[in-house]
Amino acid sequence: MKPSRHTLALFTLVSLSFIPGVGCIAAGEDELDPMEAPLSSMESAINCYGATASSSTTSIAVSNNVMTATGTCSFIGGDVNGAHLDYYLDGTFVGSGDYTCSQGWQFIYGVTCGSHTFKVIARPIKLGSPGVESCASTTQQSRSFDNPVASNKCCINRTTYFSGAKQAGNICNYCDPTQDQYSWSRSCANGCYC
């Protein structure tokens, strides 16, 4: 049986949509047989009805300015078989991953000193060929953590300074961890006024 022009146009559309850097490509109207069903009424390859995914961050550890977060994920409903997780640090997207959720997940990322918020957004997906399909529903969970600074240093605006370091553009301000590890200390020497 010879495939219809509609089937060939759909195959071309689906095939090209998986090429990196190629956006959504639609076939021209003249390529479709007007007697065939439009793309919008065709059955979706993934059933998202009632599908949800969730994630829970079980631990966050920081060592040498590297955060290691671990957690679990789950999914239910539709015909999904996994979860897609997007990771955010202080509101900035820093990575993602697709999981079957059988072993949990782990995410490693470099962090600066100070307090941070780590957020995970979970979305149900269907893993398999030719790729990954996802549902639109999402859930999210946030967790705060600290990356403390050593006792002989300062952490100012999430930047680590050694004791005695001067503020750029203002020699009257310097790092003095004995006074305050999280703000510039004021010098009363060298023409500076307190």
N, C-alpha and C. Protein backbone atom coordinates (compact mmCIF):
# COMPACT_ATOMS: atom_id res chain seq x y z
N MET A 1 0.84 -1.18 0.00
CA MET A 1 0.00 0.00 0.00
C MET A 1 0.88 1.24 0.00
N LYS A 2 0.59 2.14 -0.87
CA LYS A 2 1.37 3.37 -1.01
C LYS A 2 0.92 4.37 0.05
N PRO A 3 1.88 4.97 0.82
CA PRO A 3 1.50 5.95 1.83
C PRO A 3 0.92 7.20 1.16
N SER A 4 -0.05 7.80 1.83
CA SER A 4 -0.67 9.01 1.30
C SER A 4 0.29 10.19 1.42
N ARG A 5 -0.03 11.25 0.67
CA ARG A 5 0.80 12.45 0.77
C ARG A 5 0.73 13.02 2.18
N HIS A 6 -0.41 12.87 2.85
CA HIS A 6 -0.57 13.36 4.23
C HIS A 6 0.40 12.62 5.17
N THR A 7 0.51 11.30 5.01
CA THR A 7 1.41 10.51 5.84
C THR A 7 2.86 10.91 5.58
N LEU A 8 3.22 11.11 4.32
CA LEU A 8 4.59 11.52 4.01
C LEU A 8 4.89 12.91 4.57
N ALA A 9 3.93 13.82 4.47
CA ALA A 9 4.14 15.17 5.01
C ALA A 9 4.29 15.11 6.52
N LEU A 10 3.49 14.28 7.20
CA LEU A 10 3.57 14.12 8.65
C LEU A 10 4.92 13.52 9.02
N PHE A 11 5.38 12.48 8.29
CA PHE A 11 6.68 11.87 8.57
C PHE A 11 7.78 12.90 8.42
N THR A 12 7.70 13.73 7.36
CA THR A 12 8.70 14.78 7.16
C THR A 12 8.67 15.77 8.31
N LEU A 13 7.48 16.18 8.74
CA LEU A 13 7.33 17.13 9.85
C LEU A 13 7.92 16.55 11.12
N VAL A 14 7.57 15.31 11.45
CA VAL A 14 8.06 14.69 12.67
C VAL A 14 9.56 14.47 12.59
N SER A 15 10.06 14.00 11.45
CA SER A 15 11.49 13.74 11.32
C SER A 15 12.30 15.01 11.46
N LEU A 16 11.87 16.10 10.82
CA LEU A 16 12.63 17.34 10.88
C LEU A 16 12.55 18.01 12.23
N SER A 17 11.49 17.76 12.98
CA SER A 17 11.36 18.43 14.28
C SER A 17 12.37 17.90 15.29
N PHE A 18 13.01 16.78 15.03
CA PHE A 18 14.00 16.24 15.94
C PHE A 18 15.43 16.64 15.57
N ILE A 19 15.61 17.41 14.52
CA ILE A 19 16.92 17.87 14.12
C ILE A 19 17.25 19.12 14.93
N PRO A 20 18.35 19.11 15.72
CA PRO A 20 18.70 20.29 16.51
C PRO A 20 18.83 21.53 15.63
N GLY A 21 18.28 22.64 16.11
CA GLY A 21 18.38 23.89 15.40
C GLY A 21 17.29 24.10 14.37
N VAL A 22 16.45 23.09 14.14
CA VAL A 22 15.35 23.22 13.19
C VAL A 22 14.07 23.39 13.99
N GLY A 23 13.36 24.46 13.76
CA GLY A 23 12.12 24.72 14.48
C GLY A 23 10.98 23.91 13.90
N CYS A 24 9.79 24.31 14.26
CA CYS A 24 8.60 23.62 13.77
C CYS A 24 8.46 23.91 12.28
N ILE A 25 8.39 22.86 11.49
CA ILE A 25 8.28 23.01 10.05
C ILE A 25 6.94 22.43 9.64
N ALA A 26 6.12 23.20 9.02
CA ALA A 26 4.80 22.74 8.59
C ALA A 26 4.81 22.54 7.09
N ALA A 27 4.14 21.49 6.66
CA ALA A 27 4.02 21.24 5.23
C ALA A 27 3.02 22.22 4.64
N GLY A 28 3.23 22.59 3.39
CA GLY A 28 2.31 23.52 2.74
C GLY A 28 0.95 22.86 2.55
N GLU A 29 -0.11 23.67 2.47
CA GLU A 29 -1.46 23.14 2.33
C GLU A 29 -1.61 22.32 1.07
N ASP A 30 -0.89 22.68 0.03
CA ASP A 30 -1.04 21.97 -1.23
C ASP A 30 -0.50 20.54 -1.16
N GLU A 31 0.27 20.21 -0.11
CA GLU A 31 0.81 18.86 0.02
C GLU A 31 -0.17 17.91 0.69
N LEU A 32 -1.23 18.42 1.33
CA LEU A 32 -2.17 17.58 2.06
C LEU A 32 -3.42 17.33 1.22
N ASP A 33 -3.93 16.14 1.33
CA ASP A 33 -5.18 15.79 0.67
C ASP A 33 -6.32 16.35 1.51
N PRO A 34 -7.17 17.22 0.97
CA PRO A 34 -8.22 17.84 1.75
C PRO A 34 -9.23 16.85 2.31
N MET A 35 -9.29 15.63 1.79
CA MET A 35 -10.22 14.61 2.28
C MET A 35 -9.70 13.90 3.51
N GLU A 36 -8.43 14.08 3.86
CA GLU A 36 -7.87 13.42 5.01
C GLU A 36 -8.01 14.30 6.25
N ALA A 37 -7.94 13.69 7.43
CA ALA A 37 -8.11 14.41 8.69
C ALA A 37 -6.96 15.38 8.90
N PRO A 38 -7.23 16.57 9.44
CA PRO A 38 -6.14 17.50 9.75
C PRO A 38 -5.28 16.98 10.89
N LEU A 39 -4.05 17.50 11.00
CA LEU A 39 -3.13 17.05 12.03
C LEU A 39 -3.70 17.22 13.43
N SER A 40 -4.46 18.30 13.67
CA SER A 40 -4.95 18.58 15.02
C SER A 40 -5.92 17.53 15.52
N SER A 41 -6.57 16.80 14.64
CA SER A 41 -7.52 15.79 15.10
C SER A 41 -6.92 14.39 15.14
N MET A 42 -5.64 14.25 14.78
CA MET A 42 -4.99 12.94 14.81
C MET A 42 -4.71 12.55 16.25
N GLU A 43 -4.66 11.28 16.54
CA GLU A 43 -4.42 10.80 17.89
C GLU A 43 -2.97 11.09 18.30
N SER A 44 -2.80 11.59 19.54
CA SER A 44 -1.47 11.88 20.07
C SER A 44 -0.77 10.57 20.39
N ALA A 45 0.56 10.60 20.33
CA ALA A 45 1.34 9.40 20.63
C ALA A 45 1.46 9.18 22.13
N ILE A 46 1.10 10.16 22.98
CA ILE A 46 1.17 10.01 24.42
C ILE A 46 -0.17 10.42 25.03
N ASN A 47 -0.64 9.61 25.96
CA ASN A 47 -1.88 9.91 26.67
C ASN A 47 -1.51 10.60 27.98
N CYS A 48 -1.82 11.88 28.10
CA CYS A 48 -1.47 12.66 29.28
C CYS A 48 -2.62 12.78 30.27
N TYR A 49 -3.76 12.15 29.97
CA TYR A 49 -4.93 12.29 30.84
C TYR A 49 -4.60 11.78 32.25
N GLY A 50 -4.68 12.67 33.23
CA GLY A 50 -4.42 12.31 34.62
C GLY A 50 -2.95 12.08 34.95
N ALA A 51 -2.06 12.36 34.02
CA ALA A 51 -0.63 12.10 34.25
C ALA A 51 -0.01 13.22 35.10
N THR A 52 0.73 12.82 36.10
CA THR A 52 1.49 13.77 36.91
C THR A 52 2.84 13.17 37.25
N ALA A 53 3.76 14.03 37.56
CA ALA A 53 5.08 13.61 38.03
C ALA A 53 5.45 14.50 39.20
N SER A 54 6.23 13.96 40.13
CA SER A 54 6.67 14.77 41.26
C SER A 54 8.10 14.39 41.61
N SER A 55 8.74 15.27 42.36
CA SER A 55 10.12 15.05 42.78
C SER A 55 10.28 15.53 44.21
N SER A 56 11.14 14.87 44.94
CA SER A 56 11.46 15.28 46.31
C SER A 56 12.97 15.28 46.47
N THR A 57 13.50 16.42 46.92
CA THR A 57 14.93 16.52 47.18
C THR A 57 15.19 15.95 48.56
N THR A 58 15.94 14.87 48.64
CA THR A 58 16.17 14.21 49.93
C THR A 58 17.41 14.74 50.65
N SER A 59 18.40 15.23 49.91
CA SER A 59 19.57 15.79 50.57
C SER A 59 20.30 16.76 49.64
N ILE A 60 20.95 17.74 50.28
CA ILE A 60 21.84 18.66 49.57
C ILE A 60 23.09 18.78 50.42
N ALA A 61 24.22 18.43 49.84
CA ALA A 61 25.50 18.54 50.53
C ALA A 61 26.41 19.44 49.71
N VAL A 62 27.22 20.24 50.40
CA VAL A 62 28.16 21.13 49.72
C VAL A 62 29.56 20.85 50.24
N SER A 63 30.49 20.65 49.32
CA SER A 63 31.89 20.43 49.67
C SER A 63 32.75 21.11 48.62
N ASN A 64 33.69 21.95 49.06
CA ASN A 64 34.59 22.65 48.14
C ASN A 64 33.82 23.38 47.04
N ASN A 65 32.74 24.08 47.42
CA ASN A 65 31.91 24.86 46.51
C ASN A 65 31.22 24.03 45.43
N VAL A 66 31.00 22.75 45.69
CA VAL A 66 30.25 21.89 44.78
C VAL A 66 29.06 21.33 45.54
N MET A 67 27.86 21.60 44.99
CA MET A 67 26.62 21.10 45.58
C MET A 67 26.28 19.75 44.96
N THR A 68 25.91 18.80 45.80
CA THR A 68 25.41 17.52 45.33
C THR A 68 24.01 17.35 45.92
N ALA A 69 23.01 17.37 45.05
CA ALA A 69 21.63 17.19 45.47
C ALA A 69 21.16 15.82 45.02
N THR A 70 20.44 15.12 45.87
CA THR A 70 19.87 13.82 45.52
C THR A 70 18.39 13.83 45.86
N GLY A 71 17.65 12.97 45.19
CA GLY A 71 16.23 12.91 45.46
C GLY A 71 15.55 11.74 44.79
N THR A 72 14.25 11.74 44.94
CA THR A 72 13.42 10.70 44.33
C THR A 72 12.41 11.36 43.41
N CYS A 73 11.86 10.58 42.50
CA CYS A 73 10.81 11.10 41.64
C CYS A 73 9.79 9.99 41.43
N SER A 74 8.60 10.40 41.02
CA SER A 74 7.54 9.43 40.74
C SER A 74 6.63 9.99 39.67
N PHE A 75 5.82 9.11 39.08
CA PHE A 75 4.88 9.51 38.04
C PHE A 75 3.69 8.58 38.08
N ILE A 76 2.54 9.08 37.68
CA ILE A 76 1.33 8.25 37.60
C ILE A 76 0.46 8.76 36.45
N GLY A 77 -0.46 7.93 36.01
CA GLY A 77 -1.49 8.32 35.05
C GLY A 77 -1.04 8.25 33.61
N GLY A 78 -2.04 8.36 32.73
CA GLY A 78 -1.76 8.33 31.30
C GLY A 78 -0.97 7.11 30.92
N ASP A 79 -0.15 7.24 29.91
CA ASP A 79 0.76 6.14 29.56
C ASP A 79 2.21 6.60 29.67
N VAL A 80 2.48 7.43 30.71
CA VAL A 80 3.84 7.91 30.94
C VAL A 80 4.67 6.84 31.62
N ASN A 81 5.98 6.91 31.44
CA ASN A 81 6.88 5.93 32.05
C ASN A 81 8.14 6.57 32.61
N GLY A 82 8.05 7.87 32.91
CA GLY A 82 9.21 8.55 33.47
C GLY A 82 8.89 9.98 33.86
N ALA A 83 9.93 10.67 34.33
CA ALA A 83 9.78 12.07 34.72
C ALA A 83 10.95 12.87 34.14
N HIS A 84 10.63 14.05 33.63
CA HIS A 84 11.65 15.00 33.18
C HIS A 84 11.80 16.02 34.30
N LEU A 85 13.04 16.24 34.76
CA LEU A 85 13.30 17.18 35.84
C LEU A 85 14.14 18.34 35.32
N ASP A 86 13.69 19.56 35.63
CA ASP A 86 14.45 20.78 35.35
C ASP A 86 14.97 21.29 36.67
N TYR A 87 16.27 21.65 36.72
CA TYR A 87 16.91 22.11 37.95
C TYR A 87 17.19 23.61 37.87
N TYR A 88 16.88 24.33 38.95
CA TYR A 88 17.11 25.77 39.03
C TYR A 88 17.89 26.07 40.30
N LEU A 89 18.85 26.97 40.19
CA LEU A 89 19.61 27.44 41.34
C LEU A 89 19.41 28.95 41.42
N ASP A 90 18.81 29.40 42.51
CA ASP A 90 18.52 30.82 42.72
C ASP A 90 17.75 31.41 41.54
N GLY A 91 16.79 30.65 41.01
CA GLY A 91 15.93 31.12 39.93
C GLY A 91 16.50 30.99 38.54
N THR A 92 17.72 30.49 38.39
CA THR A 92 18.36 30.33 37.09
C THR A 92 18.40 28.86 36.70
N PHE A 93 17.95 28.54 35.48
CA PHE A 93 18.01 27.16 34.98
C PHE A 93 19.46 26.71 34.89
N VAL A 94 19.76 25.53 35.48
CA VAL A 94 21.14 25.04 35.48
C VAL A 94 21.28 23.62 34.91
N GLY A 95 20.18 22.96 34.58
CA GLY A 95 20.29 21.63 34.00
C GLY A 95 18.98 20.88 34.02
N SER A 96 18.99 19.69 33.42
CA SER A 96 17.79 18.86 33.38
C SER A 96 18.18 17.41 33.15
N GLY A 97 17.21 16.52 33.32
CA GLY A 97 17.44 15.11 33.08
C GLY A 97 16.13 14.35 32.98
N ASP A 98 16.17 13.20 32.28
CA ASP A 98 15.02 12.32 32.14
C ASP A 98 15.28 11.06 32.94
N TYR A 99 14.28 10.63 33.73
CA TYR A 99 14.48 9.51 34.66
C TYR A 99 13.32 8.54 34.62
N THR A 100 13.62 7.26 34.81
CA THR A 100 12.57 6.26 35.00
C THR A 100 12.14 6.22 36.46
N CYS A 101 12.87 6.91 37.31
CA CYS A 101 12.59 7.07 38.74
C CYS A 101 12.83 5.81 39.56
N SER A 102 13.38 4.77 38.98
CA SER A 102 13.63 3.54 39.74
C SER A 102 14.80 3.68 40.70
N GLN A 103 15.76 4.54 40.38
CA GLN A 103 16.95 4.71 41.22
C GLN A 103 17.06 6.10 41.83
N GLY A 104 16.07 6.97 41.64
CA GLY A 104 16.17 8.34 42.12
C GLY A 104 17.03 9.16 41.17
N TRP A 105 17.47 10.32 41.63
CA TRP A 105 18.28 11.20 40.79
C TRP A 105 19.37 11.86 41.62
N GLN A 106 20.38 12.37 40.92
CA GLN A 106 21.47 13.11 41.55
C GLN A 106 21.86 14.25 40.61
N PHE A 107 22.11 15.44 41.19
CA PHE A 107 22.52 16.59 40.40
C PHE A 107 23.69 17.26 41.09
N ILE A 108 24.77 17.52 40.35
CA ILE A 108 25.99 18.12 40.90
C ILE A 108 26.24 19.43 40.17
N TYR A 109 26.52 20.48 40.96
CA TYR A 109 26.71 21.80 40.35
C TYR A 109 27.57 22.67 41.25
N GLY A 110 28.43 23.49 40.68
CA GLY A 110 29.26 24.41 41.44
C GLY A 110 28.46 25.57 41.99
N VAL A 111 28.72 25.94 43.24
CA VAL A 111 27.99 27.04 43.88
C VAL A 111 28.96 28.01 44.56
N THR A 112 28.50 29.23 44.70
CA THR A 112 29.27 30.24 45.42
C THR A 112 28.93 30.15 46.90
N CYS A 113 29.62 30.93 47.71
CA CYS A 113 29.33 30.95 49.14
C CYS A 113 27.98 31.62 49.38
N GLY A 114 27.42 31.39 50.56
CA GLY A 114 26.17 32.05 50.94
C GLY A 114 24.96 31.15 50.85
N SER A 115 23.79 31.76 50.99
CA SER A 115 22.52 31.04 50.98
C SER A 115 22.00 30.91 49.55
N HIS A 116 21.39 29.77 49.26
CA HIS A 116 20.88 29.47 47.92
C HIS A 116 19.54 28.77 48.00
N THR A 117 18.80 28.80 46.89
CA THR A 117 17.56 28.05 46.76
C THR A 117 17.69 27.14 45.55
N PHE A 118 17.44 25.85 45.77
CA PHE A 118 17.49 24.84 44.71
C PHE A 118 16.06 24.40 44.44
N LYS A 119 15.64 24.48 43.17
CA LYS A 119 14.27 24.11 42.81
C LYS A 119 14.29 23.05 41.73
N VAL A 120 13.36 22.09 41.86
CA VAL A 120 13.20 21.03 40.86
C VAL A 120 11.77 21.09 40.34
N ILE A 121 11.62 21.15 39.02
CA ILE A 121 10.31 21.11 38.38
C ILE A 121 10.20 19.77 37.66
N ALA A 122 9.15 19.01 37.97
CA ALA A 122 8.95 17.68 37.39
C ALA A 122 7.81 17.70 36.39
N ARG A 123 7.99 16.97 35.28
CA ARG A 123 6.97 16.85 34.24
C ARG A 123 6.91 15.39 33.79
N PRO A 124 5.70 14.81 33.68
CA PRO A 124 5.60 13.41 33.23
C PRO A 124 6.01 13.27 31.76
N ILE A 125 6.69 12.17 31.45
CA ILE A 125 7.16 11.94 30.08
C ILE A 125 6.95 10.49 29.69
N LYS A 126 7.06 10.24 28.40
CA LYS A 126 7.07 8.89 27.86
C LYS A 126 8.40 8.69 27.17
N LEU A 127 9.24 7.84 27.76
CA LEU A 127 10.55 7.54 27.19
C LEU A 127 10.40 6.46 26.14
N GLY A 128 11.16 6.54 25.08
CA GLY A 128 11.13 5.52 24.04
C GLY A 128 11.46 6.13 22.70
N SER A 129 11.44 5.28 21.67
CA SER A 129 11.82 5.79 20.35
C SER A 129 10.60 6.42 19.71
N PRO A 130 10.77 7.43 18.89
CA PRO A 130 12.04 7.94 18.41
C PRO A 130 12.67 8.94 19.36
N GLY A 131 12.05 9.27 20.46
CA GLY A 131 12.61 10.26 21.38
C GLY A 131 11.79 10.28 22.66
N VAL A 132 11.69 11.46 23.26
CA VAL A 132 10.95 11.63 24.50
C VAL A 132 9.78 12.56 24.24
N GLU A 133 8.60 12.15 24.70
CA GLU A 133 7.43 13.00 24.61
C GLU A 133 7.05 13.40 26.02
N SER A 134 6.51 14.61 26.19
CA SER A 134 6.17 15.05 27.53
C SER A 134 4.76 15.61 27.59
N CYS A 135 4.23 15.62 28.80
CA CYS A 135 2.93 16.22 29.09
C CYS A 135 3.19 17.63 29.62
N ALA A 136 2.17 18.45 29.55
CA ALA A 136 2.33 19.85 29.94
C ALA A 136 2.29 20.06 31.46
N SER A 137 1.67 19.16 32.21
CA SER A 137 1.51 19.38 33.65
C SER A 137 2.85 19.30 34.37
N THR A 138 3.04 20.16 35.38
CA THR A 138 4.28 20.17 36.14
C THR A 138 4.00 20.31 37.63
N THR A 139 4.94 19.87 38.44
CA THR A 139 4.94 20.13 39.88
C THR A 139 6.34 20.63 40.22
N GLN A 140 6.45 21.37 41.32
CA GLN A 140 7.77 21.88 41.69
C GLN A 140 7.98 21.82 43.20
N GLN A 141 9.25 21.75 43.57
CA GLN A 141 9.65 21.71 44.97
C GLN A 141 10.93 22.51 45.12
N SER A 142 11.00 23.35 46.16
CA SER A 142 12.19 24.15 46.41
C SER A 142 12.77 23.81 47.78
N ARG A 143 14.07 23.99 47.87
CA ARG A 143 14.76 23.75 49.15
C ARG A 143 15.92 24.72 49.27
N SER A 144 16.05 25.33 50.44
CA SER A 144 17.15 26.26 50.69
C SER A 144 18.33 25.54 51.33
N PHE A 145 19.52 26.06 51.05
CA PHE A 145 20.72 25.50 51.67
C PHE A 145 21.78 26.58 51.75
N ASP A 146 22.78 26.37 52.58
CA ASP A 146 23.88 27.32 52.74
C ASP A 146 25.19 26.67 52.33
N ASN A 147 26.06 27.49 51.76
CA ASN A 147 27.44 27.10 51.50
C ASN A 147 28.27 28.02 52.38
N PRO A 148 28.58 27.57 53.60
CA PRO A 148 29.27 28.45 54.54
C PRO A 148 30.68 28.79 54.08
N VAL A 149 31.16 29.91 54.58
CA VAL A 149 32.50 30.38 54.25
C VAL A 149 33.43 30.00 55.40
N ALA A 150 34.70 29.76 55.09
CA ALA A 150 35.69 29.42 56.12
C ALA A 150 35.81 30.57 57.12
N SER A 151 36.20 30.26 58.33
CA SER A 151 36.24 31.27 59.40
C SER A 151 37.24 32.39 59.14
N ASN A 152 38.22 32.18 58.26
CA ASN A 152 39.21 33.23 57.98
C ASN A 152 38.91 33.99 56.68
N LYS A 153 37.66 33.91 56.18
CA LYS A 153 37.28 34.56 54.93
C LYS A 153 35.93 35.27 55.11
N CYS A 154 35.58 36.08 54.11
CA CYS A 154 34.29 36.75 54.07
C CYS A 154 33.52 36.26 52.84
N CYS A 155 32.21 36.25 52.96
CA CYS A 155 31.33 35.94 51.83
C CYS A 155 30.43 37.16 51.64
N ILE A 156 30.75 38.00 50.67
CA ILE A 156 30.01 39.24 50.43
C ILE A 156 29.40 39.18 49.03
N ASN A 157 28.09 39.29 48.97
CA ASN A 157 27.37 39.18 47.69
C ASN A 157 27.73 37.89 46.95
N ARG A 158 27.80 36.80 47.72
CA ARG A 158 28.11 35.46 47.21
C ARG A 158 29.48 35.34 46.57
N THR A 159 30.40 36.20 46.98
CA THR A 159 31.79 36.12 46.52
C THR A 159 32.67 35.95 47.75
N THR A 160 33.64 35.04 47.68
CA THR A 160 34.54 34.78 48.79
C THR A 160 35.76 35.69 48.71
N TYR A 161 36.09 36.31 49.86
CA TYR A 161 37.27 37.19 49.96
C TYR A 161 38.13 36.73 51.12
N PHE A 162 39.45 36.82 50.95
CA PHE A 162 40.38 36.52 52.03
C PHE A 162 40.39 37.67 53.01
N SER A 163 40.72 37.37 54.25
CA SER A 163 40.81 38.39 55.29
C SER A 163 41.77 39.48 54.84
N GLY A 164 41.36 40.75 54.96
CA GLY A 164 42.19 41.88 54.57
C GLY A 164 41.96 42.37 53.16
N ALA A 165 41.24 41.59 52.33
CA ALA A 165 40.98 42.01 50.95
C ALA A 165 40.16 43.28 50.94
N LYS A 166 40.52 44.22 50.07
CA LYS A 166 39.84 45.50 49.96
C LYS A 166 38.73 45.42 48.90
N GLN A 167 37.67 46.19 49.13
CA GLN A 167 36.59 46.27 48.17
C GLN A 167 37.07 47.02 46.93
N ALA A 168 36.80 46.49 45.75
CA ALA A 168 37.20 47.15 44.50
C ALA A 168 36.53 48.51 44.41
N GLY A 169 37.31 49.55 44.17
CA GLY A 169 36.77 50.88 44.02
C GLY A 169 36.53 51.61 45.34
N ASN A 170 36.83 50.97 46.47
CA ASN A 170 36.62 51.61 47.77
C ASN A 170 37.62 51.03 48.77
N ILE A 171 38.79 51.64 48.87
CA ILE A 171 39.85 51.10 49.72
C ILE A 171 39.53 51.21 51.21
N CYS A 172 38.47 51.93 51.55
CA CYS A 172 38.09 52.06 52.96
C CYS A 172 37.33 50.83 53.46
N ASN A 173 36.79 50.02 52.57
CA ASN A 173 36.07 48.81 52.95
C ASN A 173 36.96 47.59 52.72
N TYR A 174 36.95 46.69 53.69
CA TYR A 174 37.78 45.51 53.57
C TYR A 174 37.12 44.33 54.27
N CYS A 175 37.64 43.13 53.99
CA CYS A 175 37.13 41.91 54.62
C CYS A 175 37.80 41.73 55.98
N ASP A 176 36.97 41.70 57.02
CA ASP A 176 37.46 41.41 58.36
C ASP A 176 36.51 40.39 58.98
N PRO A 177 36.83 39.10 58.83
CA PRO A 177 35.92 38.06 59.32
C PRO A 177 35.69 38.08 60.82
N THR A 178 36.58 38.76 61.57
CA THR A 178 36.36 38.85 63.02
C THR A 178 35.24 39.85 63.34
N GLN A 179 34.96 40.77 62.43
CA GLN A 179 33.87 41.73 62.63
C GLN A 179 32.57 41.25 61.99
N ASP A 180 32.64 40.89 60.71
CA ASP A 180 31.44 40.46 59.98
C ASP A 180 31.88 39.68 58.75
N GLN A 181 31.46 38.43 58.65
CA GLN A 181 31.85 37.61 57.50
C GLN A 181 31.01 37.88 56.26
N TYR A 182 29.88 38.59 56.41
CA TYR A 182 28.95 38.74 55.29
C TYR A 182 28.77 40.19 54.82
N SER A 183 29.57 41.11 55.33
CA SER A 183 29.53 42.51 54.90
C SER A 183 30.94 43.08 54.95
N TRP A 184 31.15 44.16 54.19
CA TRP A 184 32.44 44.85 54.24
C TRP A 184 32.58 45.53 55.59
N SER A 185 33.79 45.47 56.14
CA SER A 185 34.11 46.21 57.36
C SER A 185 34.72 47.54 56.93
N ARG A 186 34.61 48.54 57.77
CA ARG A 186 35.09 49.89 57.43
C ARG A 186 36.42 50.15 58.12
N SER A 187 37.40 50.60 57.35
CA SER A 187 38.71 50.95 57.88
C SER A 187 38.71 52.41 58.33
N CYS A 188 39.36 52.66 59.43
CA CYS A 188 39.48 54.04 59.91
C CYS A 188 40.89 54.59 59.65
N ALA A 189 41.70 53.86 58.91
CA ALA A 189 43.09 54.26 58.61
C ALA A 189 43.20 54.76 57.18
N ASN A 190 44.36 55.25 56.84
CA ASN A 190 44.70 55.67 55.47
C ASN A 190 43.73 56.70 54.91
N GLY A 191 43.31 57.64 55.72
CA GLY A 191 42.44 58.71 55.24
C GLY A 191 40.98 58.34 55.16
N CYS A 192 40.62 57.16 55.64
CA CYS A 192 39.21 56.75 55.63
C CYS A 192 38.57 57.21 56.95
N TYR A 193 37.34 57.59 56.87
CA TYR A 193 36.62 58.06 58.06
C TYR A 193 35.57 57.05 58.48
N CYS A 194 35.46 56.87 59.78
CA CYS A 194 34.48 55.92 60.31
C CYS A 194 33.26 56.65 60.84
